C-alpha atoms as a PDB file:
ATOM      1  CA  MET A   1       4.948 -18.830  -9.271  1.00  0.00           C
ATOM      2  CA  THR A   2       4.599 -17.392  -5.769  1.00  0.00           C
ATOM      3  CA  ILE A   3       5.456 -13.826  -4.765  1.00  0.00           C
ATOM      4  CA  THR A   4       5.666 -13.005  -1.070  1.00  0.00           C
ATOM      5  CA  GLY A   5       5.890  -9.724   0.817  1.00  0.00           C
ATOM      6  CA  GLU A   6       6.237  -7.358  -2.134  1.00  0.00           C
ATOM      7  CA  SER A   7       4.650  -3.993  -2.943  1.00  0.00           C
ATOM      8  CA  LEU A   8       3.412  -4.319  -6.502  1.00  0.00           C
ATOM      9  CA  ALA A   9       2.187  -1.822  -9.083  1.00  0.00           C
ATOM     10  CA  ARG A  10       0.357  -2.282 -12.386  1.00  0.00           C
ATOM     11  CA  ALA A  11       3.583  -2.807 -14.374  1.00  0.00           C
ATOM     12  CA  ASP A  12       4.626  -5.663 -12.059  1.00  0.00           C
ATOM     13  CA  ILE A  13       1.245  -7.395 -12.302  1.00  0.00           C
ATOM     14  CA  ALA A  14       0.798  -6.745 -16.047  1.00  0.00           C
ATOM     15  CA  ALA A  15       4.123  -8.459 -16.747  1.00  0.00           C
ATOM     16  CA  LEU A  16       2.732 -11.654 -15.160  1.00  0.00           C
ATOM     17  CA  ALA A  17      -0.879 -11.398 -16.367  1.00  0.00           C
ATOM     18  CA  GLY A  18      -2.241 -13.907 -18.846  1.00  0.00           C
ATOM     19  CA  SER A  19       0.437 -16.502 -18.105  1.00  0.00           C
ATOM     20  CA  ALA A  20       0.280 -19.308 -15.553  1.00  0.00           C
ATOM     21  CA  PRO A  21      -1.659 -18.340 -12.410  1.00  0.00           C
ATOM     22  CA  VAL A  22       0.362 -16.576  -9.729  1.00  0.00           C
ATOM     23  CA  SER A  23       0.041 -16.681  -5.934  1.00  0.00           C
ATOM     24  CA  LEU A  24       0.523 -13.405  -4.084  1.00  0.00           C
ATOM     25  CA  ILE A  25       1.083 -13.768  -0.341  1.00  0.00           C
ATOM     26  CA  ASP A  26       1.359 -10.802   2.052  1.00  0.00           C
ATOM     27  CA  CYS A  27       1.679  -8.425  -0.903  1.00  0.00           C
ATOM     28  CA  ASP A  28       0.660  -4.773  -0.979  1.00  0.00           C
ATOM     29  CA  LEU A  29      -1.451  -3.737  -3.976  1.00  0.00           C
ATOM     30  CA  ALA A  30      -3.087  -0.744  -2.291  1.00  0.00           C
ATOM     31  CA  GLU A  31      -4.387   1.760  -4.844  1.00  0.00           C
ATOM     32  CA  ALA A  32      -2.995  -0.288  -7.756  1.00  0.00           C
ATOM     33  CA  GLU A  33      -4.837   0.222 -11.065  1.00  0.00           C
ATOM     34  CA  LEU A  34      -5.290  -3.339 -12.345  1.00  0.00           C
ATOM     35  CA  GLY A  35      -8.292  -2.881 -14.603  1.00  0.00           C
ATOM     36  CA  ARG A  36      -8.756  -5.003 -17.714  1.00  0.00           C
ATOM     37  CA  LEU A  37      -5.960  -7.446 -16.806  1.00  0.00           C
ATOM     38  CA  ASP A  38      -6.431 -11.217 -17.102  1.00  0.00           C
ATOM     39  CA  LEU A  39      -5.667 -12.587 -13.632  1.00  0.00           C
ATOM     40  CA  SER A  40      -7.740 -15.759 -13.983  1.00  0.00           C
ATOM     41  CA  GLY A  41      -6.755 -18.455 -11.499  1.00  0.00           C
ATOM     42  CA  TRP A  42      -4.593 -16.156  -9.364  1.00  0.00           C
ATOM     43  CA  ARG A  43      -4.462 -16.520  -5.564  1.00  0.00           C
ATOM     44  CA  PHE A  44      -4.344 -13.584  -3.177  1.00  0.00           C
ATOM     45  CA  GLU A  45      -3.540 -14.387   0.453  1.00  0.00           C
ATOM     46  CA  ARG A  46      -3.282 -11.784   3.220  1.00  0.00           C
ATOM     47  CA  CYS A  47      -2.847  -9.063   0.585  1.00  0.00           C
ATOM     48  CA  GLY A  48      -3.501  -5.361   1.125  1.00  0.00           C
ATOM     49  CA  LEU A  49      -5.901  -4.263  -1.621  1.00  0.00           C
ATOM     50  CA  ARG A  50      -7.268  -0.998  -0.207  1.00  0.00           C
ATOM     51  CA  ARG A  51      -8.668   1.065  -3.097  1.00  0.00           C
ATOM     52  CA  ALA A  52      -7.191  -1.314  -5.701  1.00  0.00           C
ATOM     53  CA  ASP A  53      -9.005  -1.045  -9.027  1.00  0.00           C
ATOM     54  CA  PHE A  54      -9.890  -4.294 -10.819  1.00  0.00           C
ATOM     55  CA  SER A  55     -12.490  -2.707 -13.146  1.00  0.00           C
ATOM     56  CA  GLY A  56     -13.206  -4.913 -16.133  1.00  0.00           C
ATOM     57  CA  ALA A  57     -10.560  -7.456 -15.087  1.00  0.00           C
ATOM     58  CA  ARG A  58     -10.872 -11.185 -15.765  1.00  0.00           C
ATOM     59  CA  LEU A  59     -10.788 -12.759 -12.316  1.00  0.00           C
ATOM     60  CA  GLU A  60     -12.367 -16.157 -12.927  1.00  0.00           C
ATOM     61  CA  ARG A  61     -11.353 -18.925 -10.511  1.00  0.00           C
ATOM     62  CA  THR A  62      -9.417 -16.496  -8.293  1.00  0.00           C
ATOM     63  CA  HIS A  63      -8.990 -17.198  -4.587  1.00  0.00           C
ATOM     64  CA  TRP A  64      -8.917 -14.415  -2.017  1.00  0.00           C
ATOM     65  CA  ARG A  65      -8.024 -15.423   1.555  1.00  0.00           C
ATOM     66  CA  SER A  66      -7.648 -13.053   4.507  1.00  0.00           C
ATOM     67  CA  CYS A  67      -7.308 -10.019   2.221  1.00  0.00           C
ATOM     68  CA  ARG A  68      -8.062  -6.414   3.201  1.00  0.00           C
ATOM     69  CA  GLY A  69      -9.649  -4.541   0.314  1.00  0.00           C
ATOM     70  CA  ALA A  70     -11.695  -1.664   1.678  1.00  0.00           C
ATOM     71  CA  PHE A  71     -13.043   0.486  -1.162  1.00  0.00           C
ATOM     72  CA  ALA A  72     -11.626  -1.872  -3.833  1.00  0.00           C
ATOM     73  CA  THR A  73     -13.303  -1.598  -7.238  1.00  0.00           C
ATOM     74  CA  PHE A  74     -14.497  -4.639  -9.202  1.00  0.00           C
ATOM     75  CA  THR A  75     -16.863  -2.739 -11.520  1.00  0.00           C
ATOM     76  CA  GLY A  76     -17.648  -4.898 -14.548  1.00  0.00           C
ATOM     77  CA  ALA A  77     -15.140  -7.564 -13.484  1.00  0.00           C
ATOM     78  CA  GLU A  78     -15.637 -11.220 -14.380  1.00  0.00           C
ATOM     79  CA  LEU A  79     -15.547 -13.169 -11.096  1.00  0.00           C
ATOM     80  CA  GLY A  80     -16.943 -16.559 -12.118  1.00  0.00           C
ATOM     81  CA  ASP A  81     -16.048 -19.308  -9.622  1.00  0.00           C
ATOM     82  CA  ALA A  82     -14.105 -16.799  -7.490  1.00  0.00           C
ATOM     83  CA  VAL A  83     -13.700 -17.784  -3.843  1.00  0.00           C
ATOM     84  CA  PHE A  84     -13.471 -15.180  -1.085  1.00  0.00           C
ATOM     85  CA  VAL A  85     -12.647 -16.429   2.423  1.00  0.00           C
ATOM     86  CA  ALA A  86     -12.208 -14.435   5.653  1.00  0.00           C
ATOM     87  CA  SER A  87     -11.624 -11.232   3.698  1.00  0.00           C
ATOM     88  CA  ASP A  88     -12.703  -7.641   4.313  1.00  0.00           C
ATOM     89  CA  PHE A  89     -14.009  -5.846   1.224  1.00  0.00           C
ATOM     90  CA  ASN A  90     -16.102  -3.225   3.000  1.00  0.00           C
ATOM     91  CA  ASN A  91     -17.439  -0.520   0.691  1.00  0.00           C
ATOM     92  CA  ALA A  92     -16.163  -2.391  -2.369  1.00  0.00           C
ATOM     93  CA  LEU A  93     -17.722  -1.566  -5.726  1.00  0.00           C
ATOM     94  CA  LEU A  94     -18.981  -4.614  -7.616  1.00  0.00           C
ATOM     95  CA  ARG A  95     -21.326  -2.680  -9.924  1.00  0.00           C
ATOM     96  CA  GLY A  96     -22.102  -4.696 -13.031  1.00  0.00           C
ATOM     97  CA  ALA A  97     -19.735  -7.495 -12.002  1.00  0.00           C
ATOM     98  CA  THR A  98     -20.425 -11.016 -13.225  1.00  0.00           C
ATOM     99  CA  LEU A  99     -20.327 -13.510 -10.320  1.00  0.00           C
ATOM    100  CA  PRO A 100     -21.517 -16.967 -11.486  1.00  0.00           C
ATOM    101  CA  ALA A 101     -20.782 -19.627  -8.835  1.00  0.00           C
ATOM    102  CA  ALA A 102     -18.715 -17.173  -6.761  1.00  0.00           C
ATOM    103  CA  SER A 103     -18.657 -17.651  -2.997  1.00  0.00           C
ATOM    104  CA  PHE A 104     -18.049 -15.448   0.024  1.00  0.00           C
ATOM    105  CA  THR A 105     -17.365 -17.234   3.322  1.00  0.00           C
ATOM    106  CA  GLY A 106     -16.647 -15.409   6.574  1.00  0.00           C
ATOM    107  CA  CYS A 107     -16.238 -12.095   4.758  1.00  0.00           C
ATOM    108  CA  LYS A 108     -17.088  -8.500   5.552  1.00  0.00           C
ATOM    109  CA  LEU A 109     -18.952  -6.776   2.699  1.00  0.00           C
ATOM    110  CA  THR A 110     -20.416  -3.939   4.751  1.00  0.00           C
ATOM    111  CA  GLY A 111     -21.508  -1.167   2.400  1.00  0.00           C
ATOM    112  CA  ALA A 112     -20.480  -3.111  -0.724  1.00  0.00           C
ATOM    113  CA  ASP A 113     -22.264  -2.041  -3.911  1.00  0.00           C
ATOM    114  CA  PHE A 114     -23.597  -4.927  -6.022  1.00  0.00           C
ATOM    115  CA  THR A 115     -25.844  -2.696  -8.165  1.00  0.00           C
ATOM    116  CA  ASP A 116     -26.587  -4.384 -11.521  1.00  0.00           C
ATOM    117  CA  ALA A 117     -24.279  -7.327 -10.701  1.00  0.00           C
ATOM    118  CA  ARG A 118     -25.196 -10.635 -12.345  1.00  0.00           C
ATOM    119  CA  ALA A 119     -24.888 -13.971 -10.594  1.00  0.00           C
ATOM    120  CA  LEU A 120     -25.934 -17.585 -10.843  1.00  0.00           C
ATOM    121  CA  GLU A 121     -25.541 -19.792  -7.748  1.00  0.00           C
ATOM    122  CA  LEU A 122     -23.771 -17.020  -5.793  1.00  0.00           C
ATOM    123  CA  ARG A 123     -23.121 -18.087  -2.181  1.00  0.00           C
ATOM    124  CA  PHE A 124     -22.804 -15.986   0.972  1.00  0.00           C
ATOM    125  CA  GLU A 125     -21.947 -17.894   4.161  1.00  0.00           C
ATOM    126  CA  GLU A 126     -21.340 -16.154   7.493  1.00  0.00           C
ATOM    127  CA  THR A 127     -20.762 -12.910   5.582  1.00  0.00           C
ATOM    128  CA  LEU A 128     -21.699  -9.412   6.738  1.00  0.00           C
ATOM    129  CA  LEU A 129     -23.769  -7.532   4.157  1.00  0.00           C
ATOM    130  CA  ILE A 130     -24.827  -4.632   6.386  1.00  0.00           C
ATOM    131  CA  ASP A 131     -25.805  -1.634   4.237  1.00  0.00           C
ATOM    132  CA  ALA A 132     -24.792  -3.499   1.065  1.00  0.00           C
ATOM    133  CA  ARG A 133     -26.521  -2.157  -2.046  1.00  0.00           C
ATOM    134  CA  LEU A 134     -28.236  -4.801  -4.154  1.00  0.00           C
ATOM    135  CA  ALA A 135     -30.346  -2.600  -6.478  1.00  0.00           C
ATOM    136  CA  GLY A 136     -30.830  -4.290  -9.833  1.00  0.00           C
ATOM    137  CA  PHE A 137     -28.934  -7.337  -8.570  1.00  0.00           C
ATOM    138  CA  ARG A 138     -29.945 -10.422 -10.556  1.00  0.00           C
ATOM    139  CA  SER A 139     -29.379 -13.866  -9.138  1.00  0.00           C
ATOM    140  CA  SER A 140     -30.733 -17.308  -9.900  1.00  0.00           C
ATOM    141  CA  SER A 141     -29.436 -18.784  -6.645  1.00  0.00           C
ATOM    142  CA  ARG A 142     -31.859 -21.101  -4.883  1.00  0.00           C
ATOM    143  CA  ARG A 143     -30.487 -20.328  -1.398  1.00  0.00           C
END
């Protein structure tokens, strides 16, 4: 299922969560509270995610392309195999997030907080990490 150009709130997303993966294109989820939802396999393309809250959400195998998510919260989220491309998540909170095999390519993570995040084979390519906080960050990546 693909949804294009909609403004969505928690009720809209919760109704679709846990079923077949959904693609959201040009959707506005700014300030949406989406914590603890299972959005595994979902695709987000050119979505507005400013201050969206994904705390504790299951976001494995998600794809994020050209999204704008300043101050988004991913605290304690499960982001295994998540792919972020050409997206701006400046000042995002990823405290305690689990990021095995996640990748960030061409992204802006200026001021992002990865405190106590856990990762294995996490990849950053051409990604800005200026002033990012990595205290307690644990990674087994060989890069």
